[in-house]
Amino acid sequence: VQLVESGGGLVLPGGSLRLSCAVSGLTLDYYVIGWFRQAPGKEREGVSCISSSSGTTYYSDSVKGRFTISRGNAKNMVYLQMNTVKPEDTAIYYCAATETYFPDKLITASQTMGVMIPNEYDYWGQGTQVTVSS
């Protein structure tokens, strides 16, 4: 399984950026794709995730209302639209995937706990840097 992120860069506060994740090699039709981020000196934080079956999504409180996760028409693309970005959004953004016959349960668990667990994701991309600065 391979995940490749793209779309990172430097953006002004209040601006927008769209990250892309190209996924290949998944064998099941049931999976969850998630976006995590890690800022210097901080732990990896789950930002958003989406179910392959229902399209159900989860957003962390820190990005809710500003970021939107979506799937492309092709099975292998997932996007993270970042609007009204803030300096605290500066981080390396990682795309991650896990195959599961119950993807909605994983999304529901994140919604209930208010957190995404990195260990629940088996495959990771190399990351793309997002810097929000004037």
C-alpha atoms as a PDB file:
ATOM      1  CA  VAL A   1       0.000   0.000   0.000  1.00  0.00           C
ATOM      2  CA  GLN A   2       1.321   3.418  -0.924  1.00  0.00           C
ATOM      3  CA  LEU A   3       0.069   6.854   0.041  1.00  0.00           C
ATOM      4  CA  VAL A   4       1.486  10.011  -1.508  1.00  0.00           C
ATOM      5  CA  GLU A   5       0.562  13.459  -0.257  1.00  0.00           C
ATOM      6  CA  SER A   6       0.840  16.658  -2.250  1.00  0.00           C
ATOM      7  CA  GLY A   7      -0.354  20.248  -2.157  1.00  0.00           C
ATOM      8  CA  GLY A   8       1.494  21.575   0.850  1.00  0.00           C
ATOM      9  CA  GLY A   9       3.257  24.924   0.880  1.00  0.00           C
ATOM     10  CA  LEU A  10       3.317  28.408   2.319  1.00  0.00           C
ATOM     11  CA  VAL A  11      -0.026  30.165   2.755  1.00  0.00           C
ATOM     12  CA  LEU A  12      -1.076  33.434   4.336  1.00  0.00           C
ATOM     13  CA  PRO A  13      -3.265  33.436   7.442  1.00  0.00           C
ATOM     14  CA  GLY A  14      -6.889  33.369   6.369  1.00  0.00           C
ATOM     15  CA  GLY A  15      -5.993  31.743   3.074  1.00  0.00           C
ATOM     16  CA  SER A  16      -6.808  28.339   1.634  1.00  0.00           C
ATOM     17  CA  LEU A  17      -4.912  25.242   0.603  1.00  0.00           C
ATOM     18  CA  ARG A  18      -5.964  21.833  -0.723  1.00  0.00           C
ATOM     19  CA  LEU A  19      -3.993  18.743   0.141  1.00  0.00           C
ATOM     20  CA  SER A  20      -4.254  15.595  -1.964  1.00  0.00           C
ATOM     21  CA  CYS A  21      -3.580  11.985  -1.055  1.00  0.00           C
ATOM     22  CA  ALA A  22      -3.095   9.384  -3.780  1.00  0.00           C
ATOM     23  CA  VAL A  23      -3.721   5.886  -2.440  1.00  0.00           C
ATOM     24  CA  SER A  24      -2.731   2.658  -4.148  1.00  0.00           C
ATOM     25  CA  GLY A  25      -2.520  -0.998  -3.223  1.00  0.00           C
ATOM     26  CA  LEU A  26      -5.532  -1.339  -0.942  1.00  0.00           C
ATOM     27  CA  THR A  27      -7.091  -4.769  -1.376  1.00  0.00           C
ATOM     28  CA  LEU A  28     -10.426  -4.224   0.348  1.00  0.00           C
ATOM     29  CA  ASP A  29     -13.284  -1.922  -0.661  1.00  0.00           C
ATOM     30  CA  TYR A  30     -13.729  -1.079   3.027  1.00  0.00           C
ATOM     31  CA  TYR A  31     -11.221   1.285   4.571  1.00  0.00           C
ATOM     32  CA  VAL A  32     -10.733   4.577   6.348  1.00  0.00           C
ATOM     33  CA  ILE A  33      -8.476   7.362   5.125  1.00  0.00           C
ATOM     34  CA  GLY A  34      -7.333   9.911   7.671  1.00  0.00           C
ATOM     35  CA  TRP A  35      -5.315  13.096   7.806  1.00  0.00           C
ATOM     36  CA  PHE A  36      -2.954  13.680  10.704  1.00  0.00           C
ATOM     37  CA  ARG A  37      -0.578  16.537  11.401  1.00  0.00           C
ATOM     38  CA  GLN A  38       2.482  17.029  13.540  1.00  0.00           C
ATOM     39  CA  ALA A  39       3.973  20.362  14.515  1.00  0.00           C
ATOM     40  CA  PRO A  40       7.527  20.675  15.876  1.00  0.00           C
ATOM     41  CA  GLY A  41       7.691  19.559  19.491  1.00  0.00           C
ATOM     42  CA  LYS A  42       4.095  18.330  19.504  1.00  0.00           C
ATOM     43  CA  GLU A  43       2.433  14.955  19.277  1.00  0.00           C
ATOM     44  CA  ARG A  44       0.814  13.743  16.082  1.00  0.00           C
ATOM     45  CA  GLU A  45      -2.799  14.965  15.959  1.00  0.00           C
ATOM     46  CA  GLY A  46      -5.678  13.443  14.029  1.00  0.00           C
ATOM     47  CA  VAL A  47      -7.386  16.116  11.952  1.00  0.00           C
ATOM     48  CA  SER A  48     -10.033  14.354   9.892  1.00  0.00           C
ATOM     49  CA  CYS A  49     -11.014  10.958   8.496  1.00  0.00           C
ATOM     50  CA  ILE A  50     -13.541   9.512   6.075  1.00  0.00           C
ATOM     51  CA  SER A  51     -15.220   6.128   5.628  1.00  0.00           C
ATOM     52  CA  SER A  52     -14.993   4.406   2.251  1.00  0.00           C
ATOM     53  CA  SER A  53     -18.478   2.891   2.545  1.00  0.00           C
ATOM     54  CA  SER A  54     -20.770   5.678   3.738  1.00  0.00           C
ATOM     55  CA  GLY A  55     -18.586   8.762   3.385  1.00  0.00           C
ATOM     56  CA  THR A  56     -19.103   9.500   7.079  1.00  0.00           C
ATOM     57  CA  THR A  57     -16.515  11.939   8.364  1.00  0.00           C
ATOM     58  CA  TYR A  58     -14.853  13.088  11.541  1.00  0.00           C
ATOM     59  CA  TYR A  59     -13.173  16.416  12.270  1.00  0.00           C
ATOM     60  CA  SER A  60     -11.153  17.468  15.264  1.00  0.00           C
ATOM     61  CA  ASP A  61     -12.462  20.493  17.141  1.00  0.00           C
ATOM     62  CA  SER A  62      -9.417  22.465  16.051  1.00  0.00           C
ATOM     63  CA  VAL A  63     -10.399  22.318  12.359  1.00  0.00           C
ATOM     64  CA  LYS A  64     -14.166  21.784  12.417  1.00  0.00           C
ATOM     65  CA  GLY A  65     -15.899  24.309  10.202  1.00  0.00           C
ATOM     66  CA  ARG A  66     -12.679  25.227   8.387  1.00  0.00           C
ATOM     67  CA  PHE A  67     -11.398  21.980   6.852  1.00  0.00           C
ATOM     68  CA  THR A  68     -13.297  19.566   4.598  1.00  0.00           C
ATOM     69  CA  ILE A  69     -12.279  16.006   3.756  1.00  0.00           C
ATOM     70  CA  SER A  70     -13.582  14.460   0.546  1.00  0.00           C
ATOM     71  CA  ARG A  71     -13.079  11.565  -1.819  1.00  0.00           C
ATOM     72  CA  GLY A  72     -12.328  11.998  -5.462  1.00  0.00           C
ATOM     73  CA  ASN A  73     -14.351  10.377  -8.214  1.00  0.00           C
ATOM     74  CA  ALA A  74     -11.567   7.850  -8.481  1.00  0.00           C
ATOM     75  CA  LYS A  75     -11.281   5.481  -5.542  1.00  0.00           C
ATOM     76  CA  ASN A  76      -7.678   6.345  -5.003  1.00  0.00           C
ATOM     77  CA  MET A  77      -7.884  10.079  -4.199  1.00  0.00           C
ATOM     78  CA  VAL A  78      -8.715  11.817  -0.934  1.00  0.00           C
ATOM     79  CA  TYR A  79      -8.533  15.561  -0.393  1.00  0.00           C
ATOM     80  CA  LEU A  80      -8.311  17.921   2.557  1.00  0.00           C
ATOM     81  CA  GLN A  81      -9.596  21.406   1.761  1.00  0.00           C
ATOM     82  CA  MET A  82      -8.156  23.830   4.280  1.00  0.00           C
ATOM     83  CA  ASN A  83      -9.909  27.206   4.555  1.00  0.00           C
ATOM     84  CA  THR A  84      -9.372  30.166   6.874  1.00  0.00           C
ATOM     85  CA  VAL A  85      -6.031  28.734   7.900  1.00  0.00           C
ATOM     86  CA  LYS A  86      -4.276  29.920  11.040  1.00  0.00           C
ATOM     87  CA  PRO A  87      -0.599  29.970  12.073  1.00  0.00           C
ATOM     88  CA  GLU A  88      -1.359  27.102  14.453  1.00  0.00           C
ATOM     89  CA  ASP A  89      -2.250  24.941  11.443  1.00  0.00           C
ATOM     90  CA  THR A  90       1.457  24.907  10.547  1.00  0.00           C
ATOM     91  CA  ALA A  91       2.630  21.288  10.586  1.00  0.00           C
ATOM     92  CA  ILE A  92       3.611  18.327   8.493  1.00  0.00           C
ATOM     93  CA  TYR A  93       0.387  16.756   7.252  1.00  0.00           C
ATOM     94  CA  TYR A  94       0.238  12.994   6.823  1.00  0.00           C
ATOM     95  CA  CYS A  95      -2.275  10.844   4.989  1.00  0.00           C
ATOM     96  CA  ALA A  96      -2.954   7.450   6.576  1.00  0.00           C
ATOM     97  CA  ALA A  97      -5.104   4.430   5.777  1.00  0.00           C
ATOM     98  CA  THR A  98      -6.458   1.335   7.418  1.00  0.00           C
ATOM     99  CA  GLU A  99      -8.450  -1.506   5.905  1.00  0.00           C
ATOM    100  CA  THR A 100     -11.427  -2.664   7.960  1.00  0.00           C
ATOM    101  CA  TYR A 101     -14.754  -4.357   7.220  1.00  0.00           C
ATOM    102  CA  PHE A 102     -16.386  -1.841   9.566  1.00  0.00           C
ATOM    103  CA  PRO A 103     -15.087   1.588   8.547  1.00  0.00           C
ATOM    104  CA  ASP A 104     -18.087   3.421   9.985  1.00  0.00           C
ATOM    105  CA  LYS A 105     -17.330   1.982  13.429  1.00  0.00           C
ATOM    106  CA  LEU A 106     -13.882   3.553  13.349  1.00  0.00           C
ATOM    107  CA  ILE A 107     -15.352   6.917  12.392  1.00  0.00           C
ATOM    108  CA  THR A 108     -18.009   6.633  15.108  1.00  0.00           C
ATOM    109  CA  ALA A 109     -15.344   5.800  17.681  1.00  0.00           C
ATOM    110  CA  SER A 110     -13.407   8.937  16.761  1.00  0.00           C
ATOM    111  CA  GLN A 111     -16.601  11.001  16.948  1.00  0.00           C
ATOM    112  CA  THR A 112     -17.352   9.585  20.410  1.00  0.00           C
ATOM    113  CA  MET A 113     -13.863   9.976  21.821  1.00  0.00           C
ATOM    114  CA  GLY A 114     -13.101  13.234  20.026  1.00  0.00           C
ATOM    115  CA  VAL A 115      -9.765  11.901  18.860  1.00  0.00           C
ATOM    116  CA  MET A 116      -8.153   9.805  16.123  1.00  0.00           C
ATOM    117  CA  ILE A 117      -5.755   7.082  17.254  1.00  0.00           C
ATOM    118  CA  PRO A 118      -2.624   6.893  15.067  1.00  0.00           C
ATOM    119  CA  ASN A 119      -2.044   3.228  15.971  1.00  0.00           C
ATOM    120  CA  GLU A 120      -5.336   2.317  14.302  1.00  0.00           C
ATOM    121  CA  TYR A 121      -3.889   3.263  10.919  1.00  0.00           C
ATOM    122  CA  ASP A 122      -1.581   0.776   9.219  1.00  0.00           C
ATOM    123  CA  TYR A 123      -0.276   2.710   6.242  1.00  0.00           C
ATOM    124  CA  TRP A 124       1.247   6.187   6.113  1.00  0.00           C
ATOM    125  CA  GLY A 125       2.471   8.650   3.546  1.00  0.00           C
ATOM    126  CA  GLN A 126       5.696  10.609   3.793  1.00  0.00           C
ATOM    127  CA  GLY A 127       3.980  13.871   4.715  1.00  0.00           C
ATOM    128  CA  THR A 128       3.704  17.321   3.203  1.00  0.00           C
ATOM    129  CA  GLN A 129       4.687  20.561   4.924  1.00  0.00           C
ATOM    130  CA  VAL A 130       2.070  23.259   5.451  1.00  0.00           C
ATOM    131  CA  THR A 131       3.288  26.621   6.717  1.00  0.00           C
ATOM    132  CA  VAL A 132       0.857  29.394   7.587  1.00  0.00           C
ATOM    133  CA  SER A 133       2.690  32.669   7.927  1.00  0.00           C
ATOM    134  CA  SER A 134       2.601  36.267   6.810  1.00  0.00           C
END
